[in-house]
Protein backbone atom coordinates (compact mmCIF):
# COMPACT_ATOMS: atom_id res chain seq x y z
CA MET A 1 119.40 91.29 106.58
CA LEU A 2 117.70 94.36 105.82
CA SER A 3 114.97 95.06 103.29
CA PHE A 4 112.57 97.20 102.87
CA ALA A 5 108.98 97.52 101.91
CA ASN A 6 109.22 100.62 100.04
CA PRO A 7 112.15 101.03 98.06
CA GLU A 8 111.18 103.31 95.52
CA TYR A 9 111.16 105.97 98.67
CA LEU A 10 115.24 105.89 99.32
CA TYR A 11 115.52 107.17 95.22
CA LEU A 12 114.47 110.30 97.73
CA LEU A 13 118.65 110.01 98.99
CA LEU A 14 119.48 111.12 95.74
CA LEU A 15 117.78 114.51 96.73
CA LEU A 16 121.56 115.12 99.27
CA PRO A 17 124.11 116.06 97.47
CA VAL A 18 121.20 118.03 95.90
CA ILE A 19 120.94 120.05 98.78
CA ALA A 20 124.16 119.95 100.28
CA GLY A 21 125.49 121.69 96.46
CA LEU A 22 122.95 124.49 97.03
CA TYR A 23 124.44 125.04 100.77
CA LEU A 24 127.96 125.79 99.31
CA LEU A 25 126.34 127.82 97.26
CA GLU A 26 124.65 129.59 99.01
CA ARG A 27 128.52 129.69 101.30
CA MET A 28 130.51 130.96 98.24
CA ALA A 29 127.73 133.37 97.76
CA ARG A 30 128.12 134.60 100.98
CA LYS A 31 132.09 134.64 101.16
CA LYS A 32 131.36 137.04 97.78
CA LYS A 33 129.04 139.42 100.02
CA ILE A 34 131.70 139.71 103.06
CA ALA A 35 134.84 140.15 100.60
CA ASP A 36 132.06 142.99 98.92
CA MET A 37 132.48 145.18 102.18
CA GLY A 38 136.10 144.66 103.25
CA ARG A 39 138.83 142.24 103.61
CA GLU A 40 136.73 139.20 105.16
CA ASP A 41 139.43 138.65 108.98
CA GLN A 42 138.38 142.20 108.25
CA VAL A 43 134.35 142.19 107.99
CA LEU A 44 134.81 139.12 111.06
CA LYS A 45 136.09 140.62 113.51
CA LEU A 46 132.61 142.78 113.13
CA MET A 47 130.99 139.67 114.01
CA PRO A 48 133.26 138.13 117.20
CA GLU A 49 130.12 136.41 118.53
CA VAL A 50 128.80 134.23 115.07
CA SER A 51 130.92 130.96 114.45
CA SER A 52 133.15 129.76 111.54
CA ARG A 53 132.32 126.28 111.85
CA LYS A 54 129.30 125.19 113.60
CA HIS A 55 127.09 126.25 109.93
CA ILE A 56 129.77 122.78 109.00
CA VAL A 57 128.52 120.59 111.96
CA ARG A 58 124.88 121.76 110.94
CA ILE A 59 123.70 121.55 107.58
CA ILE A 60 125.28 117.51 108.61
CA ILE A 61 123.02 117.31 111.00
CA ILE A 62 120.39 118.32 108.34
CA LEU A 63 121.52 115.78 105.65
CA LEU A 64 121.60 113.28 108.26
CA LEU A 65 117.45 114.08 109.75
CA LEU A 66 116.49 114.04 105.86
CA ALA A 67 118.19 110.34 105.26
CA MET A 68 117.17 109.34 108.52
CA ALA A 69 113.50 110.87 107.46
CA ILE A 70 113.96 108.23 103.97
CA ILE A 71 115.03 105.38 105.73
CA ILE A 72 111.57 105.84 107.92
CA LEU A 73 109.46 105.90 104.31
CA ALA A 74 111.06 102.98 103.18
CA ARG A 75 110.20 100.37 106.04
CA PRO A 76 113.32 98.38 106.65
CA ARG A 77 113.29 95.00 107.62
CA ALA A 78 115.14 92.84 108.98
CA GLY A 79 115.25 89.40 110.96
CA ALA A 80 113.86 86.43 107.61
CA ALA A 81 115.74 83.84 108.84
CA LYS A 82 115.32 81.62 105.49
CA LYS A 83 115.72 78.47 106.48
CA THR A 84 115.56 74.17 104.88
CA THR A 85 114.37 71.04 106.05
CA GLY A 86 114.89 68.21 104.08
CA ASN A 87 112.46 67.92 100.51
CA VAL A 88 109.20 66.83 99.54
CA ASN A 89 107.11 65.96 96.27
CA GLY A 90 104.64 69.19 95.31
CA ILE A 91 103.80 71.58 93.15
CA GLU A 92 105.47 75.88 93.19
CA VAL A 93 102.84 78.20 93.02
CA VAL A 94 102.87 82.15 92.72
CA ILE A 95 99.45 83.41 94.19
CA ALA A 96 99.24 87.11 92.45
CA MET A 97 97.04 89.95 94.79
CA ASP A 98 94.92 92.85 93.19
CA VAL A 99 96.01 95.78 96.35
CA SER A 100 95.07 98.33 94.01
CA ASN A 101 92.38 100.91 95.01
CA SER A 102 89.27 98.64 94.14
CA MET A 103 89.86 95.87 95.63
CA ASN A 104 87.92 98.16 98.79
CA ALA A 105 85.09 97.68 96.98
CA SER A 106 82.64 94.72 97.72
CA TYR A 107 82.56 91.58 95.92
CA SER A 108 78.58 91.41 95.32
CA SER A 109 76.60 94.07 94.80
CA ASP A 110 75.48 94.60 97.99
CA PRO A 111 78.01 98.05 99.34
CA ASN A 112 78.00 96.20 102.82
CA ASP A 113 79.23 92.99 102.10
CA MET A 114 83.08 92.28 102.84
CA SER A 115 85.35 93.51 101.14
CA ARG A 116 86.58 91.86 97.36
CA LEU A 117 90.58 91.76 99.42
CA GLN A 118 89.33 90.58 102.20
CA ARG A 119 87.16 87.62 99.36
CA SER A 120 90.45 86.99 98.04
CA LYS A 121 92.60 86.78 101.16
CA MET A 122 89.49 84.44 102.56
CA ILE A 123 89.63 82.66 99.08
CA MET A 124 93.42 82.02 99.68
CA GLU A 125 93.45 80.90 102.95
CA LYS A 126 91.84 77.77 102.56
CA LEU A 127 94.16 77.20 99.62
CA ILE A 128 97.26 78.03 101.78
CA ASP A 129 95.94 74.91 103.50
CA LYS A 130 95.18 72.05 101.26
CA LEU A 131 99.09 73.00 98.80
CA ARG A 132 100.35 70.77 102.02
CA ASN A 133 104.29 69.84 100.60
CA ASP A 134 103.67 72.41 97.88
CA LYS A 135 105.62 75.80 97.52
CA VAL A 136 103.90 78.47 97.68
CA ALA A 137 105.20 82.13 96.88
CA LEU A 138 103.15 85.96 97.61
CA VAL A 139 103.26 88.42 94.33
CA VAL A 140 100.81 91.81 95.34
CA PHE A 141 100.21 94.42 92.63
CA ALA A 142 98.91 98.02 91.85
CA GLY A 143 100.80 99.82 88.79
CA LYS A 144 103.57 97.65 90.16
CA ALA A 145 104.59 94.78 91.10
CA HIS A 146 105.76 93.34 94.50
CA MET A 147 107.65 90.76 96.40
CA GLN A 148 106.18 90.03 99.44
CA MET A 149 107.15 86.44 99.94
CA PRO A 150 108.89 84.26 98.31
CA MET A 151 108.66 81.19 97.25
CA THR A 152 108.39 78.38 100.95
CA ILE A 153 106.41 75.35 101.75
CA ASP A 154 106.06 76.82 105.12
CA GLY A 155 102.18 77.42 105.24
CA HIS A 156 102.12 79.14 108.56
CA SER A 157 104.67 81.54 107.18
CA SER A 158 101.90 82.54 104.05
CA LYS A 159 99.43 83.13 106.18
CA MET A 160 101.56 85.14 108.55
CA PHE A 161 103.02 87.61 105.20
CA LEU A 162 98.90 86.54 103.65
CA ASP A 163 97.12 88.90 106.76
CA GLY A 164 99.66 91.60 106.27
CA ILE A 165 98.51 92.68 102.77
CA ASN A 166 95.97 95.62 101.80
CA THR A 167 95.88 98.11 99.48
CA SER A 168 98.17 100.80 100.79
CA ILE A 169 101.26 97.72 100.53
CA VAL A 170 101.72 99.98 96.91
CA PRO A 171 102.09 103.40 96.29
CA MET A 172 101.90 104.01 93.01
CA GLN A 173 97.56 102.94 91.97
CA GLY A 174 96.87 100.86 89.13
CA THR A 175 96.15 98.11 87.56
CA ALA A 176 99.91 96.17 86.54
CA ILE A 177 98.23 92.14 85.83
CA GLY A 178 100.51 92.08 83.38
CA ALA A 179 103.70 93.37 85.67
CA ALA A 180 102.17 91.01 88.40
CA ILE A 181 102.29 88.07 86.03
CA ASN A 182 106.26 88.82 84.39
CA LEU A 183 107.42 89.19 88.29
CA SER A 184 106.07 85.77 88.90
CA MET A 185 108.05 84.57 86.64
CA THR A 186 111.27 85.39 89.16
CA ALA A 187 109.28 83.80 92.26
CA PHE A 188 110.42 80.18 90.56
CA SER A 189 113.25 77.96 90.99
CA LYS A 190 114.73 76.35 88.23
CA ASP A 191 113.78 73.17 88.05
CA SER A 192 112.68 72.20 84.92
CA LYS A 193 111.07 70.07 86.03
CA ALA A 194 108.68 70.88 88.74
CA SER A 195 105.20 71.59 87.68
CA LYS A 196 104.61 75.90 87.70
CA ALA A 197 101.35 77.57 88.20
CA ILE A 198 100.16 81.16 89.12
CA ILE A 199 97.24 82.12 90.50
CA LEU A 200 96.09 85.36 90.10
CA ILE A 201 93.58 86.99 91.83
CA THR A 202 91.94 90.43 90.07
CA ASP A 203 88.90 92.53 89.85
CA GLY A 204 89.88 92.48 85.87
CA GLU A 205 90.41 95.70 85.17
CA ASN A 206 93.92 95.86 83.49
CA PHE A 207 95.14 99.41 82.50
CA GLU A 208 98.78 99.69 82.30
CA ASP A 209 99.58 96.75 80.18
CA ASP A 210 98.73 93.40 77.25
CA ALA A 211 98.22 90.54 80.61
CA VAL A 212 97.47 88.43 77.68
CA ASP A 213 101.00 88.21 76.27
CA ALA A 214 102.05 87.89 79.39
CA ALA A 215 99.76 84.88 80.30
CA LYS A 216 100.99 83.51 76.77
CA HIS A 217 104.25 84.35 78.30
CA ALA A 218 103.96 82.32 80.34
CA ARG A 219 102.28 79.55 78.89
CA ARG A 220 105.92 79.76 76.77
CA ASN A 221 107.88 79.04 79.32
CA ASP A 222 105.41 75.95 81.05
CA ILE A 223 104.31 78.13 84.13
CA GLN A 224 100.18 77.92 84.37
CA VAL A 225 98.10 80.39 84.66
CA ASN A 226 94.71 80.84 86.58
CA VAL A 227 92.94 83.89 87.46
CA ILE A 228 91.03 84.49 90.28
CA GLY A 229 88.14 87.25 89.00
CA ILE A 230 86.21 88.53 92.75
CA GLY A 231 83.94 91.14 91.90
CA SER A 232 80.49 91.65 90.30
CA LYS A 233 79.18 92.16 87.18
CA GLU A 234 76.82 94.77 88.08
CA GLY A 235 79.37 96.62 90.72
CA ALA A 236 80.21 98.24 94.23
CA PRO A 237 81.32 101.60 95.00
CA ILE A 238 85.04 102.46 96.24
CA PRO A 239 84.85 103.46 99.71
CA ILE A 240 87.49 106.06 100.56
CA GLY A 241 86.13 106.04 104.75
CA ASN A 242 83.91 108.25 106.90
CA GLY A 243 80.83 106.17 104.77
CA ASP A 244 82.33 108.11 101.94
CA PHE A 245 83.22 106.15 98.12
CA MET A 246 85.19 107.58 95.31
CA THR A 247 83.87 109.72 93.16
CA ASP A 248 85.35 111.17 89.11
CA ASP A 249 86.06 114.32 88.39
CA ASN A 250 81.99 115.01 88.00
CA GLY A 251 81.48 114.27 91.02
CA GLU A 252 79.70 110.91 90.01
CA THR A 253 80.12 107.87 92.28
CA VAL A 254 83.10 105.09 90.87
CA VAL A 255 82.18 102.13 90.45
CA THR A 256 84.05 98.74 90.04
CA ARG A 257 83.21 96.25 87.77
CA LEU A 258 84.20 93.20 87.73
CA ASP A 259 85.88 92.92 83.33
CA GLU A 260 85.70 88.77 83.71
CA GLU A 261 85.92 88.93 80.10
CA LYS A 262 88.95 89.98 80.67
CA ALA A 263 89.88 88.01 83.27
CA GLN A 264 89.20 84.41 81.14
CA GLN A 265 91.65 85.36 78.15
CA ILE A 266 94.33 85.79 80.91
CA ALA A 267 92.84 82.29 82.38
CA LYS A 268 93.40 81.29 78.44
CA ALA A 269 96.22 82.67 77.13
CA GLY A 270 98.09 81.02 80.20
CA ASP A 271 96.44 77.89 79.82
CA GLY A 272 94.55 78.16 82.83
CA THR A 273 91.42 77.18 84.76
CA TYR A 274 89.31 80.71 85.38
CA VAL A 275 86.81 80.91 88.76
CA GLN A 276 85.20 83.14 89.79
CA GLY A 277 85.98 84.50 93.64
CA ASN A 278 81.75 84.41 94.22
CA ALA A 279 81.36 80.60 93.93
CA THR A 280 80.89 79.33 97.07
CA ASN A 281 83.09 75.88 95.46
CA ALA A 282 85.62 78.23 94.47
CA VAL A 283 88.81 77.07 96.32
CA GLU A 284 88.11 72.81 95.92
CA VAL A 285 87.33 73.51 92.03
CA LEU A 286 91.00 75.44 92.03
CA ASP A 287 92.99 73.12 93.96
CA ASP A 288 90.91 70.41 91.47
CA THR A 289 93.22 72.27 88.42
CA LEU A 290 96.72 71.95 90.71
CA LYS A 291 96.36 68.16 92.21
CA LYS A 292 96.31 67.43 87.51
CA LEU A 293 99.60 69.11 87.58
CA ALA A 294 102.17 66.47 88.48
CA SER A 295 104.45 66.76 91.47
CA THR A 296 108.06 66.72 91.83
CA ASN A 297 111.41 66.85 94.56
CA LEU A 298 111.36 69.72 95.96
CA SER A 299 113.27 71.44 99.05
CA GLN A 300 111.21 72.52 101.75
CA VAL A 301 112.22 76.27 102.64
CA THR A 302 110.28 77.83 105.22
CA PHE A 303 110.77 81.79 106.18
CA THR A 304 110.57 84.05 109.31
CA LYS A 305 108.73 86.90 109.02
CA SER A 306 110.45 90.18 108.97
CA ASP A 307 110.66 92.58 112.03
CA GLU A 308 110.17 96.80 110.91
CA GLN A 309 113.18 98.47 112.36
CA PHE A 310 112.34 101.56 111.92
CA PRO A 311 111.60 102.90 115.43
CA VAL A 312 115.72 102.51 115.48
CA PHE A 313 115.56 105.09 112.70
CA ALA A 314 112.86 107.32 114.71
CA TRP A 315 115.46 107.24 117.63
CA ILE A 316 117.64 108.42 115.79
CA ALA A 317 115.32 111.02 114.27
CA LEU A 318 114.68 112.79 117.14
CA VAL A 319 118.17 112.95 118.60
CA LEU A 320 120.10 115.01 115.56
CA LEU A 321 116.30 117.15 115.25
CA ILE A 322 117.03 117.41 119.53
CA ALA A 323 120.97 118.74 118.78
CA ASN A 324 120.39 120.85 115.90
CA VAL A 325 117.61 122.66 118.07
CA LEU A 326 120.43 123.54 120.73
CA LEU A 327 123.13 124.30 117.52
CA GLN A 328 123.26 127.76 117.98
CA ASN A 329 125.59 129.26 115.29
CA ARG A 330 126.94 131.86 118.16
CA LYS A 331 130.24 130.61 119.78
CA ASN A 332 130.32 128.47 122.68
CA PRO A 333 131.30 130.98 126.39
CA TRP A 334 133.38 128.01 127.29
CA LEU A 335 135.58 126.65 124.47
CA ALA A 336 135.50 130.11 123.02
CA LYS A 337 138.10 131.17 125.57
CA GLN A 338 140.36 127.01 125.53
CA ASN A 339 143.36 128.12 123.05
CA PHE A 340 143.52 124.45 121.85
CA PHE A 341 146.38 125.40 119.44
CA LYS A 342 148.62 127.02 121.74
CA LEU A 343 147.50 123.81 124.61
CA LYS A 344 148.63 122.00 121.47
CA GLU A 345 151.98 123.39 120.94
CA LYS A 346 152.95 123.49 124.04
CA LYS A 347 152.87 119.79 124.54
CA GLN A 348 155.11 119.60 121.14
CA GLN A 349 157.85 122.11 122.82
């Protein structure tokens, strides 16, 4: 099954009929100009080498080329396989990871320490090792939230998807914690007996929505919301490459700080536990919290990671580009000598 890592780019395909419409308008305007010069058949005789049909082929090639480019931007993927291998006792857990640009900042006050995202991955890898019989799903969020991996009991698959997470995986920047909680709720099964928990990993800087209200909504649906606060109260600058850091409109270095108070409010509203991500026992505290939830009989489902399919569309785009370069507006000398209509008439006789 074909899926897309950045499906929002597919909306650009709506531009294709607009471009086609503009092209038709241009051809109509051209025809009107020819009519102003005289009879069309007589004017065209003055341009014997200009093809009257190749422009149609060229616009089709250009539209297909643009379509391939848009599909490549959307990052097509295929090959993910789903397999059910039996039943186990466990709980359902959704890991919602913040991938906004602030997660590139150091998890401590030392700018040279590992990033908040790296620290988050390290904590989650250790936690996944402890969730042996529990189902896990992955959600990533910045300005929007996206489902990175559906619910599975396969720890190896979970780590594989987790390893592929980076701050560019969600194009729209921001921190929509409420959207992440709401999307995480859709990842759980319909089994009312299954115990369900969300583990939210963030620096707590929420700018988009009401995360506390979303956590309360999850709790009303019997879903526990736990929060891991990543970062330090002192804060750290956000690296942008080449040793430089992000600055504001006044040229001042932007310092991003852990909003621990907000993170604690979210955990309280979700009847969960708040854990400081810098703590050495963060994994143990979370594991103990999840163990308190009752286990139920869950179907064992595994997934294989999707393979990127954009090279296929890139090759198609290359062929179309070459065809467009080679295609001339002039008539092909060899084809011009052929009278296909006359041949057809002879066959009919």
